[in-house]
N, C-alpha and C. Protein backbone atom coordinates (compact mmCIF):
# COMPACT_ATOMS: atom_id res chain seq x y z
N MET A 1 135.98 72.73 87.68
CA MET A 1 135.88 74.00 86.92
C MET A 1 136.81 74.99 87.68
N GLY A 2 137.61 75.51 86.91
CA GLY A 2 138.56 76.50 87.50
C GLY A 2 138.02 77.95 87.43
N ILE A 3 138.72 78.84 88.02
CA ILE A 3 138.21 80.20 88.01
C ILE A 3 138.25 80.84 86.65
N THR A 4 139.24 80.49 85.85
CA THR A 4 139.26 81.04 84.45
C THR A 4 137.99 80.51 83.64
N ASP A 5 137.63 79.25 83.94
CA ASP A 5 136.46 78.75 83.19
C ASP A 5 135.25 79.41 83.61
N PHE A 6 135.10 79.76 84.86
CA PHE A 6 134.00 80.54 85.35
C PHE A 6 133.85 81.86 84.74
N PHE A 7 134.92 82.62 84.66
CA PHE A 7 134.97 83.88 84.09
C PHE A 7 134.68 83.88 82.57
N SER A 8 135.30 82.86 81.96
CA SER A 8 134.98 82.79 80.44
C SER A 8 133.49 82.43 80.19
N ASP A 9 132.91 81.65 81.05
CA ASP A 9 131.43 81.36 80.91
C ASP A 9 130.57 82.63 81.17
N VAL A 10 130.91 83.38 82.17
CA VAL A 10 130.29 84.59 82.46
C VAL A 10 130.40 85.59 81.24
N TRP A 11 131.64 85.73 80.78
CA TRP A 11 131.86 86.59 79.62
C TRP A 11 131.05 86.13 78.44
N ASP A 12 130.96 84.82 78.15
CA ASP A 12 130.20 84.34 77.05
C ASP A 12 128.66 84.55 77.24
N THR A 13 128.28 84.56 78.42
CA THR A 13 126.83 84.70 78.70
C THR A 13 126.41 86.16 78.46
N PHE A 14 127.27 87.13 78.95
CA PHE A 14 126.88 88.51 78.84
C PHE A 14 127.41 89.19 77.64
N ALA A 15 128.44 88.68 76.98
CA ALA A 15 129.00 89.34 75.82
C ALA A 15 128.18 89.16 74.54
N HIS A 16 127.52 88.03 74.42
CA HIS A 16 126.73 87.71 73.25
C HIS A 16 125.29 87.77 73.56
N PRO A 17 124.47 88.43 72.76
CA PRO A 17 123.01 88.52 72.99
C PRO A 17 122.42 87.13 72.86
N SER A 18 121.40 86.87 73.70
CA SER A 18 120.71 85.59 73.64
C SER A 18 119.89 85.50 72.32
N PRO A 19 119.80 84.34 71.66
CA PRO A 19 119.00 84.26 70.52
C PRO A 19 117.50 84.32 70.88
N ASP A 20 117.15 84.13 72.05
CA ASP A 20 115.76 84.27 72.49
C ASP A 20 115.32 85.75 72.46
N ALA A 21 116.25 86.61 72.59
CA ALA A 21 115.92 87.97 72.72
C ALA A 21 115.68 88.75 71.45
N GLU A 22 115.95 88.03 70.35
CA GLU A 22 115.67 88.60 68.99
C GLU A 22 114.22 88.94 68.72
N ALA A 23 114.04 89.96 67.97
CA ALA A 23 112.65 90.31 67.64
C ALA A 23 112.03 89.28 66.76
N PRO A 24 110.72 89.02 66.95
CA PRO A 24 110.07 88.08 66.10
C PRO A 24 110.04 88.46 64.65
N LYS A 25 110.19 87.46 63.82
CA LYS A 25 110.30 87.78 62.36
C LYS A 25 108.92 87.83 61.81
N GLY A 26 108.66 88.49 60.78
CA GLY A 26 107.40 88.59 60.11
C GLY A 26 106.87 89.98 60.18
N GLY A 27 105.83 90.26 59.46
CA GLY A 27 105.25 91.64 59.42
C GLY A 27 104.08 91.69 60.46
N SER A 28 103.49 92.90 60.54
CA SER A 28 102.38 93.08 61.41
C SER A 28 101.10 92.84 60.77
N SER A 29 100.13 92.44 61.41
CA SER A 29 98.83 92.09 60.92
C SER A 29 98.06 93.43 60.69
N THR A 30 97.31 93.48 59.55
CA THR A 30 96.48 94.66 59.29
C THR A 30 95.01 94.30 59.58
N GLU A 31 94.71 93.11 60.00
CA GLU A 31 93.33 92.68 60.16
C GLU A 31 92.85 93.09 61.52
N THR A 32 93.67 93.20 62.54
CA THR A 32 93.27 93.60 63.89
C THR A 32 93.89 94.92 64.25
N PRO A 33 93.33 95.71 65.17
CA PRO A 33 93.95 96.94 65.55
C PRO A 33 95.17 96.70 66.29
N ALA A 34 96.07 97.68 66.20
CA ALA A 34 97.35 97.58 66.95
C ALA A 34 97.11 97.65 68.44
N ALA A 35 98.06 97.01 69.16
CA ALA A 35 97.88 97.00 70.66
C ALA A 35 97.93 98.44 71.17
N GLY A 36 97.05 98.72 72.13
CA GLY A 36 97.08 100.03 72.69
C GLY A 36 96.03 101.04 72.04
N THR A 37 95.41 100.59 70.92
CA THR A 37 94.47 101.49 70.25
C THR A 37 93.04 101.21 70.85
N PRO A 38 92.24 102.21 70.87
CA PRO A 38 90.91 102.04 71.44
C PRO A 38 89.95 101.29 70.57
N GLU A 39 90.39 100.90 69.45
CA GLU A 39 89.53 100.16 68.55
C GLU A 39 89.32 98.78 69.02
N GLU A 40 88.05 98.24 69.04
CA GLU A 40 87.80 96.89 69.28
C GLU A 40 86.60 96.43 68.48
N SER A 41 86.66 95.13 68.12
CA SER A 41 85.53 94.56 67.32
C SER A 41 84.21 94.51 68.14
N SER A 42 83.13 94.34 67.43
CA SER A 42 81.86 94.27 68.19
C SER A 42 81.83 93.04 69.07
N GLU A 43 82.54 91.95 68.69
CA GLU A 43 82.52 90.76 69.51
C GLU A 43 83.41 91.03 70.74
N GLU A 44 84.50 91.69 70.59
CA GLU A 44 85.33 92.05 71.79
C GLU A 44 84.58 92.99 72.72
N ALA A 45 83.86 93.93 72.18
CA ALA A 45 83.15 94.84 73.06
C ALA A 45 82.05 94.14 73.86
N GLU A 46 81.41 93.22 73.28
CA GLU A 46 80.34 92.44 73.92
C GLU A 46 80.92 91.63 75.10
N VAL A 47 82.09 90.97 74.73
CA VAL A 47 82.64 90.09 75.76
C VAL A 47 83.21 90.88 76.90
N ASN A 48 83.80 92.01 76.56
CA ASN A 48 84.33 92.89 77.69
C ASN A 48 83.23 93.41 78.61
N LYS A 49 82.08 93.76 78.06
CA LYS A 49 80.92 94.21 78.82
C LYS A 49 80.47 93.07 79.74
N GLN A 50 80.37 91.86 79.17
CA GLN A 50 79.93 90.68 80.05
C GLN A 50 80.97 90.42 81.20
N ASP A 51 82.24 90.54 80.85
CA ASP A 51 83.25 90.30 81.89
C ASP A 51 83.13 91.37 82.98
N ALA A 52 82.94 92.53 82.57
CA ALA A 52 82.86 93.68 83.59
C ALA A 52 81.69 93.44 84.46
N VAL A 53 80.51 93.02 84.03
CA VAL A 53 79.34 92.82 84.76
C VAL A 53 79.53 91.65 85.74
N LYS A 54 80.10 90.61 85.19
CA LYS A 54 80.44 89.44 86.05
C LYS A 54 81.45 89.80 87.20
N SER A 55 82.42 90.55 86.84
CA SER A 55 83.42 90.96 87.89
C SER A 55 82.83 91.83 88.99
N ASP A 56 81.98 92.82 88.51
CA ASP A 56 81.28 93.63 89.51
C ASP A 56 80.42 92.84 90.48
N GLU A 57 79.60 91.92 89.88
CA GLU A 57 78.72 91.05 90.65
C GLU A 57 79.48 90.22 91.66
N SER A 58 80.55 89.62 91.26
CA SER A 58 81.28 88.73 92.17
C SER A 58 81.95 89.50 93.19
N GLN A 59 82.54 90.75 92.97
CA GLN A 59 83.09 91.54 93.97
C GLN A 59 82.10 92.03 95.01
N GLN A 60 80.89 92.39 94.51
CA GLN A 60 79.87 92.76 95.47
C GLN A 60 79.36 91.67 96.33
N GLU A 61 79.21 90.43 95.84
CA GLU A 61 78.90 89.25 96.56
C GLU A 61 79.95 88.97 97.69
N GLN A 62 81.22 89.16 97.32
CA GLN A 62 82.31 88.86 98.26
C GLN A 62 82.64 89.98 99.22
N GLY A 63 81.98 91.15 98.99
CA GLY A 63 82.27 92.34 99.78
C GLY A 63 83.48 93.04 99.48
N HIS A 64 84.12 92.88 98.28
CA HIS A 64 85.38 93.59 97.94
C HIS A 64 85.11 95.01 97.61
N ILE A 65 83.95 95.40 97.09
CA ILE A 65 83.77 96.74 96.74
C ILE A 65 83.34 97.54 97.91
N PRO A 66 84.17 98.51 98.42
CA PRO A 66 83.79 99.22 99.64
C PRO A 66 82.71 100.28 99.27
N SER A 67 81.83 100.37 100.23
CA SER A 67 80.75 101.36 100.11
C SER A 67 81.33 102.79 100.47
N ASP A 68 80.60 103.81 100.24
CA ASP A 68 81.00 105.17 100.65
C ASP A 68 81.08 105.25 102.17
N ASP A 69 80.21 104.50 102.92
CA ASP A 69 80.26 104.58 104.40
C ASP A 69 81.59 103.95 104.91
N ALA A 70 82.03 102.88 104.32
CA ALA A 70 83.28 102.32 104.79
C ALA A 70 84.48 103.17 104.54
N GLU A 71 84.44 103.93 103.39
CA GLU A 71 85.58 104.87 103.17
C GLU A 71 85.63 105.99 104.16
N GLU A 72 84.35 106.48 104.56
CA GLU A 72 84.36 107.52 105.60
C GLU A 72 84.81 107.01 106.86
N GLU A 73 84.40 105.78 107.32
CA GLU A 73 84.85 105.25 108.55
C GLU A 73 86.34 105.19 108.63
N GLU A 74 87.01 104.74 107.52
CA GLU A 74 88.43 104.61 107.52
C GLU A 74 89.11 105.98 107.65
N GLU A 75 88.58 106.98 107.08
CA GLU A 75 89.05 108.32 107.22
C GLU A 75 88.97 108.88 108.57
N GLU A 76 87.84 108.58 109.31
CA GLU A 76 87.56 109.08 110.61
C GLU A 76 88.46 108.42 111.78
N GLU A 77 88.88 107.27 111.45
CA GLU A 77 89.78 106.59 112.48
C GLU A 77 91.01 107.40 112.80
N GLU A 78 91.24 107.50 114.14
CA GLU A 78 92.33 108.28 114.62
C GLU A 78 93.60 107.43 114.61
N GLU A 79 94.75 108.05 114.24
CA GLU A 79 96.00 107.34 114.36
C GLU A 79 96.36 107.23 115.86
N THR A 80 96.98 106.13 116.25
CA THR A 80 97.43 106.06 117.59
C THR A 80 98.62 106.90 117.83
N VAL A 81 98.61 107.55 118.94
CA VAL A 81 99.69 108.50 119.29
C VAL A 81 100.75 107.79 120.17
N ASP A 82 102.01 107.93 119.83
CA ASP A 82 103.07 107.21 120.62
C ASP A 82 103.19 108.05 121.92
N PRO A 83 103.02 107.45 123.08
CA PRO A 83 103.20 108.14 124.27
C PRO A 83 104.67 108.46 124.61
N LYS A 84 105.67 107.76 124.00
CA LYS A 84 106.99 108.04 124.19
C LYS A 84 107.38 109.41 123.81
N ASP A 85 106.89 109.93 122.73
CA ASP A 85 107.21 111.25 122.24
C ASP A 85 106.81 112.31 123.22
N LYS A 86 105.63 112.24 123.82
CA LYS A 86 105.05 113.22 124.73
C LYS A 86 105.96 113.06 126.07
N LEU A 87 106.20 111.88 126.55
CA LEU A 87 106.89 111.68 127.77
C LEU A 87 108.39 112.23 127.54
N GLU A 88 109.01 112.01 126.48
CA GLU A 88 110.36 112.50 126.31
C GLU A 88 110.40 114.03 126.17
N ALA A 89 109.36 114.66 125.53
CA ALA A 89 109.27 116.05 125.44
C ALA A 89 109.07 116.69 126.90
N ASP A 90 108.25 116.05 127.73
CA ASP A 90 108.05 116.50 129.11
C ASP A 90 109.38 116.36 129.84
N CYS A 91 110.08 115.30 129.67
CA CYS A 91 111.35 115.02 130.34
C CYS A 91 112.45 116.04 129.94
N GLN A 92 112.40 116.45 128.70
CA GLN A 92 113.42 117.37 128.37
C GLN A 92 113.30 118.66 129.09
N GLU A 93 112.10 119.05 129.40
CA GLU A 93 111.82 120.28 130.13
C GLU A 93 111.88 120.10 131.69
N SER A 94 111.99 118.84 132.12
CA SER A 94 111.91 118.63 133.58
C SER A 94 113.29 119.07 134.27
N LYS A 95 113.17 118.98 135.55
CA LYS A 95 114.35 119.31 136.34
C LYS A 95 115.49 118.32 136.23
N ALA A 96 115.11 117.04 135.98
CA ALA A 96 116.13 115.99 135.85
C ALA A 96 117.08 116.19 134.63
N CYS A 97 116.58 116.84 133.57
CA CYS A 97 117.29 117.01 132.39
C CYS A 97 117.74 118.47 132.18
N ALA A 98 117.54 119.26 133.16
CA ALA A 98 117.84 120.67 133.05
C ALA A 98 119.34 120.96 132.71
N PRO A 99 120.33 120.27 133.36
CA PRO A 99 121.73 120.57 132.95
C PRO A 99 122.04 120.25 131.50
N ALA A 100 121.54 119.10 131.07
CA ALA A 100 121.74 118.72 129.67
C ALA A 100 121.10 119.66 128.65
N LYS A 101 119.93 120.10 129.03
CA LYS A 101 119.20 121.18 128.10
C LYS A 101 119.90 122.41 128.16
N HIS A 102 120.41 122.83 129.28
CA HIS A 102 121.18 124.11 129.42
C HIS A 102 122.44 124.04 128.50
N HIS A 103 123.14 122.98 128.56
CA HIS A 103 124.36 122.85 127.72
C HIS A 103 124.02 122.88 126.26
N TYR A 104 122.94 122.14 125.92
CA TYR A 104 122.46 122.12 124.49
C TYR A 104 122.04 123.49 124.01
N ASP A 105 121.29 124.19 124.90
CA ASP A 105 120.81 125.54 124.47
C ASP A 105 122.00 126.53 124.26
N GLU A 106 122.90 126.50 125.25
CA GLU A 106 124.09 127.33 125.05
C GLU A 106 124.87 126.99 123.80
N CYS A 107 125.04 125.71 123.49
CA CYS A 107 125.76 125.33 122.26
C CYS A 107 125.06 125.87 121.11
N ALA A 108 123.71 125.68 121.04
CA ALA A 108 122.96 126.13 119.94
C ALA A 108 123.01 127.67 119.70
N GLU A 109 123.09 128.38 120.76
CA GLU A 109 123.20 129.82 120.68
C GLU A 109 124.58 130.24 120.11
N ARG A 110 125.67 129.51 120.58
CA ARG A 110 126.97 129.71 119.92
C ARG A 110 127.04 129.46 118.52
N VAL A 111 126.51 128.36 118.13
CA VAL A 111 126.50 127.97 116.71
C VAL A 111 125.72 128.85 115.83
N MET A 112 124.49 129.28 116.32
CA MET A 112 123.74 130.28 115.56
C MET A 112 124.48 131.59 115.43
N GLY A 113 125.15 132.08 116.49
CA GLY A 113 126.00 133.24 116.45
C GLY A 113 127.10 133.18 115.44
N GLN A 114 127.81 132.00 115.40
CA GLN A 114 128.85 131.75 114.40
C GLN A 114 128.28 131.83 112.98
N ILE A 115 127.07 131.23 112.82
CA ILE A 115 126.57 131.25 111.46
C ILE A 115 126.17 132.63 110.95
N GLU A 116 125.61 133.44 111.95
CA GLU A 116 125.24 134.80 111.59
C GLU A 116 126.46 135.64 111.35
N ASN A 117 127.55 135.43 112.10
CA ASN A 117 128.77 136.30 111.87
C ASN A 117 129.56 135.82 110.80
N ASP A 118 129.95 134.56 110.71
CA ASP A 118 130.89 134.05 109.71
C ASP A 118 130.21 133.38 108.51
N GLY A 119 128.92 133.06 108.59
CA GLY A 119 128.37 132.33 107.51
C GLY A 119 128.44 130.85 107.65
N LYS A 120 129.29 130.38 108.62
CA LYS A 120 129.41 128.92 108.85
C LYS A 120 129.76 128.68 110.34
N ALA A 121 129.52 127.51 110.81
CA ALA A 121 129.87 127.20 112.23
C ALA A 121 131.16 126.47 112.32
N LYS A 122 131.97 126.75 113.38
CA LYS A 122 133.05 125.96 113.59
C LYS A 122 132.89 124.69 114.46
N GLU A 123 131.73 124.56 114.92
CA GLU A 123 131.38 123.39 115.77
C GLU A 123 129.90 122.98 115.53
N ASP A 124 129.50 121.87 116.04
CA ASP A 124 128.16 121.43 116.09
C ASP A 124 127.74 120.99 117.44
N CYS A 125 126.51 120.78 117.64
CA CYS A 125 126.00 120.39 118.97
C CYS A 125 125.53 119.00 119.09
N VAL A 126 126.11 118.11 118.32
CA VAL A 126 125.73 116.75 118.31
C VAL A 126 125.88 116.14 119.60
N GLU A 127 127.00 116.26 120.29
CA GLU A 127 127.30 115.64 121.55
C GLU A 127 126.35 116.06 122.61
N GLU A 128 126.04 117.43 122.64
CA GLU A 128 125.08 117.93 123.62
C GLU A 128 123.67 117.44 123.30
N PHE A 129 123.29 117.30 122.05
CA PHE A 129 122.06 116.81 121.69
C PHE A 129 121.90 115.34 122.16
N PHE A 130 122.85 114.49 121.95
CA PHE A 130 122.81 113.13 122.36
C PHE A 130 122.74 113.00 123.90
N HIS A 131 123.43 113.88 124.62
CA HIS A 131 123.28 113.89 126.10
C HIS A 131 121.85 114.22 126.53
N LEU A 132 121.26 115.19 125.86
CA LEU A 132 119.88 115.60 126.17
C LEU A 132 118.94 114.47 125.81
N ALA A 133 119.11 113.84 124.63
CA ALA A 133 118.23 112.75 124.20
C ALA A 133 118.35 111.55 125.13
N HIS A 134 119.59 111.29 125.53
CA HIS A 134 119.75 110.16 126.49
C HIS A 134 119.04 110.39 127.86
N CYS A 135 119.24 111.61 128.36
CA CYS A 135 118.56 112.03 129.51
C CYS A 135 116.98 111.89 129.46
N ALA A 136 116.48 112.33 128.35
CA ALA A 136 115.00 112.38 128.13
C ALA A 136 114.54 110.90 128.03
N THR A 137 115.30 110.05 127.37
CA THR A 137 114.89 108.66 127.15
C THR A 137 114.99 107.91 128.53
N GLN A 138 116.02 108.14 129.32
CA GLN A 138 116.13 107.48 130.59
C GLN A 138 114.96 107.97 131.49
N CYS A 139 114.68 109.23 131.56
CA CYS A 139 113.60 109.77 132.32
C CYS A 139 112.23 109.28 131.95
N ALA A 140 112.01 109.05 130.57
CA ALA A 140 110.72 108.65 130.18
C ALA A 140 110.55 107.07 130.27
N ALA A 141 111.66 106.32 130.37
CA ALA A 141 111.47 104.87 130.32
C ALA A 141 110.52 104.28 131.35
N LYS A 142 110.69 104.73 132.56
CA LYS A 142 109.91 104.05 133.65
C LYS A 142 108.32 104.36 133.45
N PRO A 143 107.96 105.63 133.27
CA PRO A 143 106.54 105.87 133.05
C PRO A 143 105.98 105.26 131.75
N LEU A 144 106.78 105.18 130.74
CA LEU A 144 106.41 104.56 129.48
C LEU A 144 106.05 103.14 129.66
N PHE A 145 106.89 102.36 130.30
CA PHE A 145 106.62 100.92 130.51
C PHE A 145 105.47 100.67 131.42
N SER A 146 105.32 101.52 132.37
CA SER A 146 104.15 101.41 133.25
C SER A 146 102.84 101.62 132.46
N GLN A 147 102.85 102.50 131.48
CA GLN A 147 101.69 102.76 130.59
C GLN A 147 101.46 101.63 129.65
N LEU A 148 102.48 100.94 129.21
CA LEU A 148 102.38 99.88 128.20
C LEU A 148 101.86 98.59 128.83
N LYS A 149 102.13 98.44 130.03
CA LYS A 149 101.70 97.06 130.67
C LYS A 149 100.30 96.99 130.82
């Protein structure tokens, strides 16, 4: 099979609608209600009630229906707090990262001043931010892993 045969097969597949996709022929039935309407026969109503009762009973036996107490317990559970975030925040303020924080703060002040004066900044503080983040990560690594062990 050559490349041209491949493309012609692809074209034939997508260019012509599939005969399976045609709408069914014939009219609609007037004996039963249309799909999506709230009307149901008395037989259907009885069967639906029986099914609902059976479903509720089986779920209660298997413990699938949560009680109100279970829902309250789930809401009261505390989310675990990542110690890395606190350690990095503490390290950013520490003496070890003071030079990086100083450079970042100076840059942030310059950029804010440019935005206030000119309406836009000529620079950004991405490099200074990454230096500060790197310092904080390095500082927090040892205490973090000692907590995790």
